[in-house]
Amino acid sequence: MTSETVQDVLINDKVISENRLLSVNENGTKFNISFHRYVAYQVFNESFLNFNDWDEYETGEFNTFCIFKKSRYMGFIKNETIADYIFPDELKHYGVYCQNHVVHIISTLEPVIEKISNIPQL
């Protein structure tokens, strides 16, 4: 669950703006997200992402699960692989923003998303 509260975080002398807390609670739901024909993926520790460096190059629908219309990661994949040659106009960039990780996926197919269960109360 994403908090509605927005706050800035100070690390050394840098301010990281507009942060929202992700929390796991008794109202949470567990999902399995499968990409059956992915080209590439990257996993980041969310603590080290630079959310303040986004500009007009990063466009799309942003939330906990994102679909990018344009991104530097997609540009990298198109430049460094033959995926765009094999699958012209089929590549899509998805982002999954979790509590501890951020996962970027380039895929030719939409993901299959299955609800597994509600998270049990601790």
PDB file of N, CA and C in Angstrom:
ATOM      1  N   MET A   1       0.845  -1.158   0.000  1.00  0.00           N
ATOM      2  CA  MET A   1       0.000   0.000   0.000  1.00  0.00           C
ATOM      3  C   MET A   1       0.898   1.231   0.000  1.00  0.00           C
ATOM      4  N   THR A   2       0.576   2.204  -0.809  1.00  0.00           N
ATOM      5  CA  THR A   2       1.355   3.433  -0.900  1.00  0.00           C
ATOM      6  C   THR A   2       0.706   4.507  -0.037  1.00  0.00           C
ATOM      7  N   SER A   3       1.495   5.143   0.796  1.00  0.00           N
ATOM      8  CA  SER A   3       0.998   6.198   1.676  1.00  0.00           C
ATOM      9  C   SER A   3       0.613   7.432   0.868  1.00  0.00           C
ATOM     10  N   GLU A   4      -0.370   8.147   1.342  1.00  0.00           N
ATOM     11  CA  GLU A   4      -0.753   9.416   0.731  1.00  0.00           C
ATOM     12  C   GLU A   4       0.185  10.538   1.178  1.00  0.00           C
ATOM     13  N   THR A   5       0.932  10.312   2.248  1.00  0.00           N
ATOM     14  CA  THR A   5       1.834  11.321   2.788  1.00  0.00           C
ATOM     15  C   THR A   5       3.084  11.428   1.928  1.00  0.00           C
ATOM     16  N   VAL A   6       3.412  12.633   1.524  1.00  0.00           N
ATOM     17  CA  VAL A   6       4.610  12.897   0.733  1.00  0.00           C
ATOM     18  C   VAL A   6       5.607  13.614   1.631  1.00  0.00           C
ATOM     19  N   GLN A   7       6.866  13.163   1.600  1.00  0.00           N
ATOM     20  CA  GLN A   7       7.882  13.802   2.426  1.00  0.00           C
ATOM     21  C   GLN A   7       9.216  13.830   1.705  1.00  0.00           C
ATOM     22  N   ASP A   8      10.060  14.766   2.104  1.00  0.00           N
ATOM     23  CA  ASP A   8      11.416  14.860   1.591  1.00  0.00           C
ATOM     24  C   ASP A   8      12.345  14.131   2.558  1.00  0.00           C
ATOM     25  N   VAL A   9      13.401  13.532   2.006  1.00  0.00           N
ATOM     26  CA  VAL A   9      14.380  12.827   2.827  1.00  0.00           C
ATOM     27  C   VAL A   9      15.737  13.471   2.583  1.00  0.00           C
ATOM     28  N   LEU A  10      16.471  13.755   3.663  1.00  0.00           N
ATOM     29  CA  LEU A  10      17.804  14.336   3.582  1.00  0.00           C
ATOM     30  C   LEU A  10      18.830  13.235   3.801  1.00  0.00           C
ATOM     31  N   ILE A  11      19.717  13.017   2.808  1.00  0.00           N
ATOM     32  CA  ILE A  11      20.812  12.060   2.922  1.00  0.00           C
ATOM     33  C   ILE A  11      22.094  12.839   2.674  1.00  0.00           C
ATOM     34  N   ASN A  12      22.936  12.914   3.718  1.00  0.00           N
ATOM     35  CA  ASN A  12      24.117  13.771   3.713  1.00  0.00           C
ATOM     36  C   ASN A  12      23.667  15.194   3.397  1.00  0.00           C
ATOM     37  N   ASP A  13      24.083  15.780   2.280  1.00  0.00           N
ATOM     38  CA  ASP A  13      23.670  17.137   1.964  1.00  0.00           C
ATOM     39  C   ASP A  13      22.696  17.180   0.793  1.00  0.00           C
ATOM     40  N   LYS A  14      22.131  16.033   0.418  1.00  0.00           N
ATOM     41  CA  LYS A  14      21.200  15.954  -0.725  1.00  0.00           C
ATOM     42  C   LYS A  14      19.780  15.728  -0.224  1.00  0.00           C
ATOM     43  N   VAL A  15      18.837  16.439  -0.834  1.00  0.00           N
ATOM     44  CA  VAL A  15      17.419  16.261  -0.519  1.00  0.00           C
ATOM     45  C   VAL A  15      16.780  15.434  -1.627  1.00  0.00           C
ATOM     46  N   ILE A  16      16.130  14.351  -1.231  1.00  0.00           N
ATOM     47  CA  ILE A  16      15.375  13.517  -2.171  1.00  0.00           C
ATOM     48  C   ILE A  16      13.907  13.843  -1.936  1.00  0.00           C
ATOM     49  N   SER A  17      13.273  14.400  -2.973  1.00  0.00           N
ATOM     50  CA  SER A  17      11.936  14.972  -2.829  1.00  0.00           C
ATOM     51  C   SER A  17      10.817  13.983  -3.123  1.00  0.00           C
ATOM     52  N   GLU A  18       9.667  14.314  -2.578  1.00  0.00           N
ATOM     53  CA  GLU A  18       8.384  13.669  -2.884  1.00  0.00           C
ATOM     54  C   GLU A  18       8.412  12.155  -2.727  1.00  0.00           C
ATOM     55  N   ASN A  19       8.806  11.676  -1.557  1.00  0.00           N
ATOM     56  CA  ASN A  19       8.837  10.248  -1.261  1.00  0.00           C
ATOM     57  C   ASN A  19       7.526   9.814  -0.629  1.00  0.00           C
ATOM     58  N   ARG A  20       7.103   8.610  -0.948  1.00  0.00           N
ATOM     59  CA  ARG A  20       5.916   8.009  -0.346  1.00  0.00           C
ATOM     60  C   ARG A  20       6.315   6.672   0.264  1.00  0.00           C
ATOM     61  N   LEU A  21       5.831   6.394   1.430  1.00  0.00           N
ATOM     62  CA  LEU A  21       6.140   5.160   2.132  1.00  0.00           C
ATOM     63  C   LEU A  21       5.280   4.024   1.583  1.00  0.00           C
ATOM     64  N   LEU A  22       5.926   2.896   1.283  1.00  0.00           N
ATOM     65  CA  LEU A  22       5.204   1.678   0.934  1.00  0.00           C
ATOM     66  C   LEU A  22       5.134   0.839   2.187  1.00  0.00           C
ATOM     67  N   SER A  23       3.956   0.336   2.511  1.00  0.00           N
ATOM     68  CA  SER A  23       3.834  -0.462   3.722  1.00  0.00           C
ATOM     69  C   SER A  23       3.065  -1.750   3.450  1.00  0.00           C
ATOM     70  N   VAL A  24       3.430  -2.781   4.185  1.00  0.00           N
ATOM     71  CA  VAL A  24       2.726  -4.049   4.126  1.00  0.00           C
ATOM     72  C   VAL A  24       1.870  -4.121   5.375  1.00  0.00           C
ATOM     73  N   ASN A  25       0.580  -4.366   5.191  1.00  0.00           N
ATOM     74  CA  ASN A  25      -0.307  -4.469   6.341  1.00  0.00           C
ATOM     75  C   ASN A  25      -1.369  -5.520   6.088  1.00  0.00           C
ATOM     76  N   GLU A  26      -2.290  -5.659   7.008  1.00  0.00           N
ATOM     77  CA  GLU A  26      -3.319  -6.699   6.898  1.00  0.00           C
ATOM     78  C   GLU A  26      -4.247  -6.501   5.701  1.00  0.00           C
ATOM     79  N   ASN A  27      -4.247  -5.322   5.105  1.00  0.00           N
ATOM     80  CA  ASN A  27      -5.094  -5.062   3.949  1.00  0.00           C
ATOM     81  C   ASN A  27      -4.385  -5.332   2.625  1.00  0.00           C
ATOM     82  N   GLY A  28      -3.129  -5.746   2.687  1.00  0.00           N
ATOM     83  CA  GLY A  28      -2.347  -5.952   1.475  1.00  0.00           C
ATOM     84  C   GLY A  28      -2.748  -7.212   0.723  1.00  0.00           C
ATOM     85  N   THR A  29      -2.377  -7.256  -0.530  1.00  0.00           N
ATOM     86  CA  THR A  29      -2.653  -8.401  -1.388  1.00  0.00           C
ATOM     87  C   THR A  29      -1.367  -8.817  -2.073  1.00  0.00           C
ATOM     88  N   LYS A  30      -1.180 -10.115  -2.237  1.00  0.00           N
ATOM     89  CA  LYS A  30       0.020 -10.662  -2.859  1.00  0.00           C
ATOM     90  C   LYS A  30      -0.306 -11.053  -4.305  1.00  0.00           C
ATOM     91  N   PHE A  31       0.603 -10.663  -5.239  1.00  0.00           N
ATOM     92  CA  PHE A  31       0.404 -10.942  -6.656  1.00  0.00           C
ATOM     93  C   PHE A  31       1.603 -11.672  -7.228  1.00  0.00           C
ATOM     94  N   ASN A  32       1.371 -12.452  -8.261  1.00  0.00           N
ATOM     95  CA  ASN A  32       2.431 -13.041  -9.067  1.00  0.00           C
ATOM     96  C   ASN A  32       2.363 -12.351 -10.431  1.00  0.00           C
ATOM     97  N   ILE A  33       3.456 -11.746 -10.853  1.00  0.00           N
ATOM     98  CA  ILE A  33       3.527 -11.051 -12.139  1.00  0.00           C
ATOM     99  C   ILE A  33       4.539 -11.793 -13.005  1.00  0.00           C
ATOM    100  N   SER A  34       4.068 -12.341 -14.129  1.00  0.00           N
ATOM    101  CA  SER A  34       4.935 -13.135 -15.014  1.00  0.00           C
ATOM    102  C   SER A  34       5.031 -12.480 -16.385  1.00  0.00           C
ATOM    103  N   PHE A  35       6.254 -12.361 -16.868  1.00  0.00           N
ATOM    104  CA  PHE A  35       6.519 -11.877 -18.227  1.00  0.00           C
ATOM    105  C   PHE A  35       7.004 -13.080 -19.027  1.00  0.00           C
ATOM    106  N   HIS A  36       6.182 -13.575 -19.952  1.00  0.00           N
ATOM    107  CA  HIS A  36       6.499 -14.812 -20.663  1.00  0.00           C
ATOM    108  C   HIS A  36       7.445 -14.624 -21.846  1.00  0.00           C
ATOM    109  N   ARG A  37       7.594 -13.403 -22.336  1.00  0.00           N
ATOM    110  CA  ARG A  37       8.539 -13.178 -23.434  1.00  0.00           C
ATOM    111  C   ARG A  37       9.263 -11.858 -23.185  1.00  0.00           C
ATOM    112  N   TYR A  38      10.115 -11.868 -22.163  1.00  0.00           N
ATOM    113  CA  TYR A  38      10.880 -10.660 -21.849  1.00  0.00           C
ATOM    114  C   TYR A  38      12.175 -10.647 -22.635  1.00  0.00           C
ATOM    115  N   VAL A  39      12.651  -9.448 -22.907  1.00  0.00           N
ATOM    116  CA  VAL A  39      13.919  -9.254 -23.598  1.00  0.00           C
ATOM    117  C   VAL A  39      15.019  -8.973 -22.580  1.00  0.00           C
ATOM    118  N   ALA A  40      14.694  -8.148 -21.581  1.00  0.00           N
ATOM    119  CA  ALA A  40      15.682  -7.776 -20.564  1.00  0.00           C
ATOM    120  C   ALA A  40      14.967  -7.326 -19.305  1.00  0.00           C
ATOM    121  N   TYR A  41      15.682  -7.397 -18.192  1.00  0.00           N
ATOM    122  CA  TYR A  41      15.166  -6.829 -16.948  1.00  0.00           C
ATOM    123  C   TYR A  41      16.327  -6.374 -16.082  1.00  0.00           C
ATOM    124  N   GLN A  42      16.021  -5.432 -15.201  1.00  0.00           N
ATOM    125  CA  GLN A  42      16.998  -4.926 -14.229  1.00  0.00           C
ATOM    126  C   GLN A  42      16.320  -4.825 -12.881  1.00  0.00           C
ATOM    127  N   VAL A  43      17.053  -5.169 -11.831  1.00  0.00           N
ATOM    128  CA  VAL A  43      16.540  -5.060 -10.470  1.00  0.00           C
ATOM    129  C   VAL A  43      17.442  -4.092  -9.713  1.00  0.00           C
ATOM    130  N   PHE A  44      16.822  -3.093  -9.083  1.00  0.00           N
ATOM    131  CA  PHE A  44      17.557  -2.101  -8.293  1.00  0.00           C
ATOM    132  C   PHE A  44      17.111  -2.162  -6.845  1.00  0.00           C
ATOM    133  N   ASN A  45      18.024  -1.901  -5.937  1.00  0.00           N
ATOM    134  CA  ASN A  45      17.653  -1.608  -4.562  1.00  0.00           C
ATOM    135  C   ASN A  45      17.020  -0.225  -4.592  1.00  0.00           C
ATOM    136  N   GLU A  46      15.771  -0.101  -4.166  1.00  0.00           N
ATOM    137  CA  GLU A  46      15.043   1.169  -4.306  1.00  0.00           C
ATOM    138  C   GLU A  46      15.713   2.322  -3.560  1.00  0.00           C
ATOM    139  N   SER A  47      16.549   2.018  -2.602  1.00  0.00           N
ATOM    140  CA  SER A  47      17.210   3.073  -1.830  1.00  0.00           C
ATOM    141  C   SER A  47      18.181   3.894  -2.663  1.00  0.00           C
ATOM    142  N   PHE A  48      18.635   3.355  -3.798  1.00  0.00           N
ATOM    143  CA  PHE A  48      19.666   4.021  -4.586  1.00  0.00           C
ATOM    144  C   PHE A  48      19.170   4.625  -5.887  1.00  0.00           C
ATOM    145  N   LEU A  49      17.873   4.578  -6.151  1.00  0.00           N
ATOM    146  CA  LEU A  49      17.350   5.180  -7.382  1.00  0.00           C
ATOM    147  C   LEU A  49      17.300   6.687  -7.267  1.00  0.00           C
ATOM    148  N   ASN A  50      17.566   7.348  -8.353  1.00  0.00           N
ATOM    149  CA  ASN A  50      17.536   8.806  -8.404  1.00  0.00           C
ATOM    150  C   ASN A  50      16.211   9.257  -9.021  1.00  0.00           C
ATOM    151  N   PHE A  51      15.198   9.403  -8.187  1.00  0.00           N
ATOM    152  CA  PHE A  51      13.883   9.799  -8.669  1.00  0.00           C
ATOM    153  C   PHE A  51      13.848  11.275  -9.061  1.00  0.00           C
ATOM    154  N   ASN A  52      14.835  12.056  -8.643  1.00  0.00           N
ATOM    155  CA  ASN A  52      14.858  13.489  -8.965  1.00  0.00           C
ATOM    156  C   ASN A  52      15.448  13.764 -10.339  1.00  0.00           C
ATOM    157  N   ASP A  53      15.955  12.741 -11.022  1.00  0.00           N
ATOM    158  CA  ASP A  53      16.622  12.933 -12.307  1.00  0.00           C
ATOM    159  C   ASP A  53      15.709  12.636 -13.495  1.00  0.00           C
ATOM    160  N   TRP A  54      14.419  12.469 -13.260  1.00  0.00           N
ATOM    161  CA  TRP A  54      13.499  12.206 -14.359  1.00  0.00           C
ATOM    162  C   TRP A  54      13.248  13.508 -15.091  1.00  0.00           C
ATOM    163  N   ASP A  55      13.164  13.429 -16.400  1.00  0.00           N
ATOM    164  CA  ASP A  55      12.898  14.617 -17.194  1.00  0.00           C
ATOM    165  C   ASP A  55      11.883  14.278 -18.273  1.00  0.00           C
ATOM    166  N   GLU A  56      11.811  15.085 -19.295  1.00  0.00           N
ATOM    167  CA  GLU A  56      10.827  14.870 -20.349  1.00  0.00           C
ATOM    168  C   GLU A  56      11.059  13.563 -21.113  1.00  0.00           C
ATOM    169  N   TYR A  57      12.233  12.943 -20.950  1.00  0.00           N
ATOM    170  CA  TYR A  57      12.507  11.695 -21.663  1.00  0.00           C
ATOM    171  C   TYR A  57      11.714  10.528 -21.072  1.00  0.00           C
ATOM    172  N   GLU A  58      11.434  10.591 -19.784  1.00  0.00           N
ATOM    173  CA  GLU A  58      10.684   9.527 -19.120  1.00  0.00           C
ATOM    174  C   GLU A  58       9.207   9.900 -19.149  1.00  0.00           C
ATOM    175  N   THR A  59       8.416   9.233 -19.985  1.00  0.00           N
ATOM    176  CA  THR A  59       6.989   9.517 -20.065  1.00  0.00           C
ATOM    177  C   THR A  59       6.209   8.222 -19.960  1.00  0.00           C
ATOM    178  N   GLY A  60       4.993   8.332 -19.458  1.00  0.00           N
ATOM    179  CA  GLY A  60       4.138   7.159 -19.351  1.00  0.00           C
ATOM    180  C   GLY A  60       3.170   7.292 -18.202  1.00  0.00           C
ATOM    181  N   GLU A  61       2.614   6.149 -17.798  1.00  0.00           N
ATOM    182  CA  GLU A  61       1.677   6.089 -16.684  1.00  0.00           C
ATOM    183  C   GLU A  61       2.458   5.608 -15.466  1.00  0.00           C
ATOM    184  N   PHE A  62       2.542   6.443 -14.429  1.00  0.00           N
ATOM    185  CA  PHE A  62       3.394   6.114 -13.288  1.00  0.00           C
ATOM    186  C   PHE A  62       2.563   5.827 -12.043  1.00  0.00           C
ATOM    187  N   ASN A  63       2.896   4.737 -11.394  1.00  0.00           N
ATOM    188  CA  ASN A  63       2.297   4.321 -10.140  1.00  0.00           C
ATOM    189  C   ASN A  63       3.193   3.228  -9.590  1.00  0.00           C
ATOM    190  N   THR A  64       2.668   2.328  -8.773  1.00  0.00           N
ATOM    191  CA  THR A  64       3.454   1.202  -8.281  1.00  0.00           C
ATOM    192  C   THR A  64       3.816   0.276  -9.436  1.00  0.00           C
ATOM    193  N   PHE A  65       2.906   0.140 -10.401  1.00  0.00           N
ATOM    194  CA  PHE A  65       3.162  -0.593 -11.643  1.00  0.00           C
ATOM    195  C   PHE A  65       3.085   0.427 -12.772  1.00  0.00           C
ATOM    196  N   CYS A  66       4.158   0.557 -13.546  1.00  0.00           N
ATOM    197  CA  CYS A  66       4.239   1.605 -14.571  1.00  0.00           C
ATOM    198  C   CYS A  66       4.383   1.013 -15.965  1.00  0.00           C
ATOM    199  N   ILE A  67       3.851   1.748 -16.927  1.00  0.00           N
ATOM    200  CA  ILE A  67       4.097   1.454 -18.328  1.00  0.00           C
ATOM    201  C   ILE A  67       4.712   2.716 -18.921  1.00  0.00           C
ATOM    202  N   PHE A  68       5.970   2.600 -19.364  1.00  0.00           N
ATOM    203  CA  PHE A  68       6.682   3.738 -19.915  1.00  0.00           C
ATOM    204  C   PHE A  68       6.397   3.856 -21.404  1.00  0.00           C
ATOM    205  N   LYS A  69       6.119   5.049 -21.869  1.00  0.00           N
ATOM    206  CA  LYS A  69       5.975   5.295 -23.301  1.00  0.00           C
ATOM    207  C   LYS A  69       7.333   5.590 -23.923  1.00  0.00           C
ATOM    208  N   LYS A  70       8.219   6.162 -23.126  1.00  0.00           N
ATOM    209  CA  LYS A  70       9.556   6.536 -23.589  1.00  0.00           C
ATOM    210  C   LYS A  70      10.484   6.475 -22.387  1.00  0.00           C
ATOM    211  N   SER A  71      11.665   5.893 -22.549  1.00  0.00           N
ATOM    212  CA  SER A  71      12.592   5.825 -21.418  1.00  0.00           C
ATOM    213  C   SER A  71      14.023   5.625 -21.904  1.00  0.00           C
ATOM    214  N   ARG A  72      14.953   5.989 -21.057  1.00  0.00           N
ATOM    215  CA  ARG A  72      16.365   5.766 -21.364  1.00  0.00           C
ATOM    216  C   ARG A  72      16.690   4.267 -21.395  1.00  0.00           C
ATOM    217  N   TYR A  73      16.031   3.502 -20.534  1.00  0.00           N
ATOM    218  CA  TYR A  73      16.275   2.057 -20.513  1.00  0.00           C
ATOM    219  C   TYR A  73      15.844   1.428 -21.836  1.00  0.00           C
ATOM    220  N   MET A  74      14.698   1.826 -22.374  1.00  0.00           N
ATOM    221  CA  MET A  74      14.252   1.312 -23.671  1.00  0.00           C
ATOM    222  C   MET A  74      15.243   1.717 -24.763  1.00  0.00           C
ATOM    223  N   GLY A  75      15.730   2.957 -24.711  1.00  0.00           N
ATOM    224  CA  GLY A  75      16.728   3.406 -25.675  1.00  0.00           C
ATOM    225  C   GLY A  75      17.984   2.566 -25.607  1.00  0.00           C
ATOM    226  N   PHE A  76      18.426   2.238 -24.400  1.00  0.00           N
ATOM    227  CA  PHE A  76      19.601   1.384 -24.210  1.00  0.00           C
ATOM    228  C   PHE A  76      19.380   0.004 -24.833  1.00  0.00           C
ATOM    229  N   ILE A  77      18.239  -0.605 -24.568  1.00  0.00           N
ATOM    230  CA  ILE A  77      17.944  -1.940 -25.101  1.00  0.00           C
ATOM    231  C   ILE A  77      17.889  -1.915 -26.624  1.00  0.00           C
ATOM    232  N   LYS A  78      17.278  -0.885 -27.195  1.00  0.00           N
ATOM    233  CA  LYS A  78      17.202  -0.786 -28.661  1.00  0.00           C
ATOM    234  C   LYS A  78      18.577  -0.583 -29.283  1.00  0.00           C
ATOM    235  N   ASN A  79      19.460   0.154 -28.602  1.00  0.00           N
ATOM    236  CA  ASN A  79      20.810   0.400 -29.121  1.00  0.00           C
ATOM    237  C   ASN A  79      21.760  -0.769 -28.932  1.00  0.00           C
ATOM    238  N   GLU A  80      21.608  -1.517 -27.852  1.00  0.00           N
ATOM    239  CA  GLU A  80      22.589  -2.534 -27.486  1.00  0.00           C
ATOM    240  C   GLU A  80      22.171  -3.963 -27.796  1.00  0.00           C
ATOM    241  N   THR A  81      20.930  -4.166 -28.281  1.00  0.00           N
ATOM    242  CA  THR A  81      20.483  -5.513 -28.622  1.00  0.00           C
ATOM    243  C   THR A  81      19.860  -5.500 -30.019  1.00  0.00           C
ATOM    244  N   ILE A  82      19.528  -6.680 -30.506  1.00  0.00           N
ATOM    245  CA  ILE A  82      18.832  -6.784 -31.795  1.00  0.00           C
ATOM    246  C   ILE A  82      17.326  -6.995 -31.591  1.00  0.00           C
ATOM    247  N   ALA A  83      16.843  -6.801 -30.381  1.00  0.00           N
ATOM    248  CA  ALA A  83      15.442  -7.060 -30.054  1.00  0.00           C
ATOM    249  C   ALA A  83      14.485  -6.227 -30.899  1.00  0.00           C
ATOM    250  N   ASP A  84      14.801  -4.956 -31.116  1.00  0.00           N
ATOM    251  CA  ASP A  84      13.922  -4.092 -31.902  1.00  0.00           C
ATOM    252  C   ASP A  84      13.891  -4.524 -33.367  1.00  0.00           C
ATOM    253  N   TYR A  85      14.967  -5.110 -33.849  1.00  0.00           N
ATOM    254  CA  TYR A  85      15.026  -5.631 -35.218  1.00  0.00           C
ATOM    255  C   TYR A  85      14.134  -6.875 -35.345  1.00  0.00           C
ATOM    256  N   ILE A  86      14.178  -7.748 -34.335  1.00  0.00           N
ATOM    257  CA  ILE A  86      13.392  -8.984 -34.358  1.00  0.00           C
ATOM    258  C   ILE A  86      11.916  -8.706 -34.083  1.00  0.00           C
ATOM    259  N   PHE A  87      11.642  -7.794 -33.149  1.00  0.00           N
ATOM    260  CA  PHE A  87      10.274  -7.461 -32.753  1.00  0.00           C
ATOM    261  C   PHE A  87      10.007  -5.969 -32.963  1.00  0.00           C
ATOM    262  N   PRO A  88       9.998  -5.487 -34.210  1.00  0.00           N
ATOM    263  CA  PRO A  88       9.794  -4.044 -34.417  1.00  0.00           C
ATOM    264  C   PRO A  88       8.439  -3.580 -33.880  1.00  0.00           C
ATOM    265  N   ASP A  89       8.456  -2.491 -33.146  1.00  0.00           N
ATOM    266  CA  ASP A  89       7.253  -1.872 -32.578  1.00  0.00           C
ATOM    267  C   ASP A  89       6.503  -2.760 -31.591  1.00  0.00           C
ATOM    268  N   GLU A  90       7.142  -3.812 -31.068  1.00  0.00           N
ATOM    269  CA  GLU A  90       6.474  -4.687 -30.101  1.00  0.00           C
ATOM    270  C   GLU A  90       7.007  -4.534 -28.683  1.00  0.00           C
ATOM    271  N   LEU A  91       8.145  -3.880 -28.509  1.00  0.00           N
ATOM    272  CA  LEU A  91       8.757  -3.787 -27.182  1.00  0.00           C
ATOM    273  C   LEU A  91       8.014  -2.777 -26.312  1.00  0.00           C
ATOM    274  N   LYS A  92       7.798  -3.163 -25.046  1.00  0.00           N
ATOM    275  CA  LYS A  92       7.210  -2.256 -24.061  1.00  0.00           C
ATOM    276  C   LYS A  92       8.065  -2.300 -22.799  1.00  0.00           C
ATOM    277  N   HIS A  93       8.140  -1.150 -22.132  1.00  0.00           N
ATOM    278  CA  HIS A  93       8.913  -1.015 -20.889  1.00  0.00           C
ATOM    279  C   HIS A  93       7.936  -0.926 -19.721  1.00  0.00           C
ATOM    280  N   TYR A  94       8.079  -1.865 -18.788  1.00  0.00           N
ATOM    281  CA  TYR A  94       7.256  -1.896 -17.577  1.00  0.00           C
ATOM    282  C   TYR A  94       8.156  -1.642 -16.375  1.00  0.00           C
ATOM    283  N   GLY A  95       7.619  -1.028 -15.346  1.00  0.00           N
ATOM    284  CA  GLY A  95       8.333  -0.828 -14.092  1.00  0.00           C
ATOM    285  C   GLY A  95       7.467  -1.279 -12.936  1.00  0.00           C
ATOM    286  N   VAL A  96       8.073  -2.016 -12.005  1.00  0.00           N
ATOM    287  CA  VAL A  96       7.368  -2.468 -10.809  1.00  0.00           C
ATOM    288  C   VAL A  96       8.114  -1.895  -9.613  1.00  0.00           C
ATOM    289  N   TYR A  97       7.435  -1.037  -8.841  1.00  0.00           N
ATOM    290  CA  TYR A  97       8.042  -0.352  -7.700  1.00  0.00           C
ATOM    291  C   TYR A  97       7.552  -1.013  -6.423  1.00  0.00           C
ATOM    292  N   CYS A  98       8.440  -1.791  -5.812  1.00  0.00           N
ATOM    293  CA  CYS A  98       8.107  -2.575  -4.620  1.00  0.00           C
ATOM    294  C   CYS A  98       8.673  -1.901  -3.374  1.00  0.00           C
ATOM    295  N   GLN A  99       8.452  -2.532  -2.234  1.00  0.00           N
ATOM    296  CA  GLN A  99       8.908  -1.954  -0.976  1.00  0.00           C
ATOM    297  C   GLN A  99      10.428  -1.827  -0.918  1.00  0.00           C
ATOM    298  N   ASN A 100      11.162  -2.809  -1.431  1.00  0.00           N
ATOM    299  CA  ASN A 100      12.622  -2.790  -1.346  1.00  0.00           C
ATOM    300  C   ASN A 100      13.335  -2.793  -2.692  1.00  0.00           C
ATOM    301  N   HIS A 101      12.613  -3.021  -3.768  1.00  0.00           N
ATOM    302  CA  HIS A 101      13.229  -3.136  -5.079  1.00  0.00           C
ATOM    303  C   HIS A 101      12.414  -2.414  -6.138  1.00  0.00           C
ATOM    304  N   VAL A 102      13.103  -2.051  -7.204  1.00  0.00           N
ATOM    305  CA  VAL A 102      12.443  -1.547  -8.405  1.00  0.00           C
ATOM    306  C   VAL A 102      12.904  -2.448  -9.541  1.00  0.00           C
ATOM    307  N   VAL A 103      11.945  -2.968 -10.303  1.00  0.00           N
ATOM    308  CA  VAL A 103      12.257  -3.879 -11.394  1.00  0.00           C
ATOM    309  C   VAL A 103      11.792  -3.234 -12.698  1.00  0.00           C
ATOM    310  N   HIS A 104      12.705  -3.154 -13.662  1.00  0.00           N
ATOM    311  CA  HIS A 104      12.376  -2.660 -15.003  1.00  0.00           C
ATOM    312  C   HIS A 104      12.413  -3.846 -15.951  1.00  0.00           C
ATOM    313  N   ILE A 105      11.371  -3.980 -16.771  1.00  0.00           N
ATOM    314  CA  ILE A 105      11.256  -5.112 -17.684  1.00  0.00           C
ATOM    315  C   ILE A 105      10.951  -4.589 -19.084  1.00  0.00           C
ATOM    316  N   ILE A 106      11.676  -5.105 -20.077  1.00  0.00           N
ATOM    317  CA  ILE A 106      11.353  -4.857 -21.482  1.00  0.00           C
ATOM    318  C   ILE A 106      10.797  -6.175 -22.008  1.00  0.00           C
ATOM    319  N   SER A 107       9.572  -6.128 -22.529  1.00  0.00           N
ATOM    320  CA  SER A 107       8.899  -7.343 -22.964  1.00  0.00           C
ATOM    321  C   SER A 107       8.125  -7.095 -24.249  1.00  0.00           C
ATOM    322  N   THR A 108       7.878  -8.179 -24.979  1.00  0.00           N
ATOM    323  CA  THR A 108       7.057  -8.085 -26.185  1.00  0.00           C
ATOM    324  C   THR A 108       5.599  -8.416 -25.890  1.00  0.00           C
ATOM    325  N   LEU A 109       5.334  -9.027 -24.754  1.00  0.00           N
ATOM    326  CA  LEU A 109       3.974  -9.383 -24.354  1.00  0.00           C
ATOM    327  C   LEU A 109       3.619  -8.708 -23.042  1.00  0.00           C
ATOM    328  N   GLU A 110       2.342  -8.428 -22.852  1.00  0.00           N
ATOM    329  CA  GLU A 110       1.888  -7.902 -21.570  1.00  0.00           C
ATOM    330  C   GLU A 110       2.067  -8.976 -20.500  1.00  0.00           C
ATOM    331  N   PRO A 111       2.267  -8.556 -19.255  1.00  0.00           N
ATOM    332  CA  PRO A 111       2.444  -9.550 -18.193  1.00  0.00           C
ATOM    333  C   PRO A 111       1.132 -10.245 -17.848  1.00  0.00           C
ATOM    334  N   VAL A 112       1.265 -11.430 -17.291  1.00  0.00           N
ATOM    335  CA  VAL A 112       0.133 -12.142 -16.709  1.00  0.00           C
ATOM    336  C   VAL A 112       0.185 -11.836 -15.221  1.00  0.00           C
ATOM    337  N   ILE A 113      -0.882 -11.252 -14.701  1.00  0.00           N
ATOM    338  CA  ILE A 113      -0.924 -10.855 -13.290  1.00  0.00           C
ATOM    339  C   ILE A 113      -1.996 -11.682 -12.594  1.00  0.00           C
ATOM    340  N   GLU A 114      -1.572 -12.418 -11.551  1.00  0.00           N
ATOM    341  CA  GLU A 114      -2.486 -13.274 -10.817  1.00  0.00           C
ATOM    342  C   GLU A 114      -2.490 -12.884  -9.343  1.00  0.00           C
ATOM    343  N   LYS A 115      -3.678 -12.739  -8.791  1.00  0.00           N
ATOM    344  CA  LYS A 115      -3.798 -12.506  -7.354  1.00  0.00           C
ATOM    345  C   LYS A 115      -3.566 -13.831  -6.650  1.00  0.00           C
ATOM    346  N   ILE A 116      -2.603 -13.857  -5.715  1.00  0.00           N
ATOM    347  CA  ILE A 116      -2.286 -15.088  -5.006  1.00  0.00           C
ATOM    348  C   ILE A 116      -3.134 -15.176  -3.745  1.00  0.00           C
ATOM    349  N   SER A 117      -3.054 -14.155  -2.902  1.00  0.00           N
ATOM    350  CA  SER A 117      -3.809 -14.194  -1.647  1.00  0.00           C
ATOM    351  C   SER A 117      -3.682 -12.839  -0.954  1.00  0.00           C
ATOM    352  N   ASN A 118      -4.499 -12.663   0.043  1.00  0.00           N
ATOM    353  CA  ASN A 118      -4.307 -11.525   0.930  1.00  0.00           C
ATOM    354  C   ASN A 118      -3.159 -11.848   1.859  1.00  0.00           C
ATOM    355  N   ILE A 119      -2.414 -10.861   2.266  1.00  0.00           N
ATOM    356  CA  ILE A 119      -1.294 -11.042   3.173  1.00  0.00           C
ATOM    357  C   ILE A 119      -1.860 -11.297   4.570  1.00  0.00           C
ATOM    358  N   PRO A 120      -1.461 -12.376   5.222  1.00  0.00           N
ATOM    359  CA  PRO A 120      -2.025 -12.673   6.554  1.00  0.00           C
ATOM    360  C   PRO A 120      -1.603 -11.620   7.573  1.00  0.00           C
ATOM    361  N   GLN A 121      -2.500 -11.356   8.493  1.00  0.00           N
ATOM    362  CA  GLN A 121      -2.206 -10.396   9.557  1.00  0.00           C
ATOM    363  C   GLN A 121      -1.204 -10.993  10.520  1.00  0.00           C
ATOM    364  N   LEU A 122      -0.187 -10.208  10.903  1.00  0.00           N
ATOM    365  CA  LEU A 122       0.850 -10.678  11.828  1.00  0.00           C
ATOM    366  C   LEU A 122       0.480 -10.416  13.262  1.00  0.00           C
TER     367      LEU A 122
END
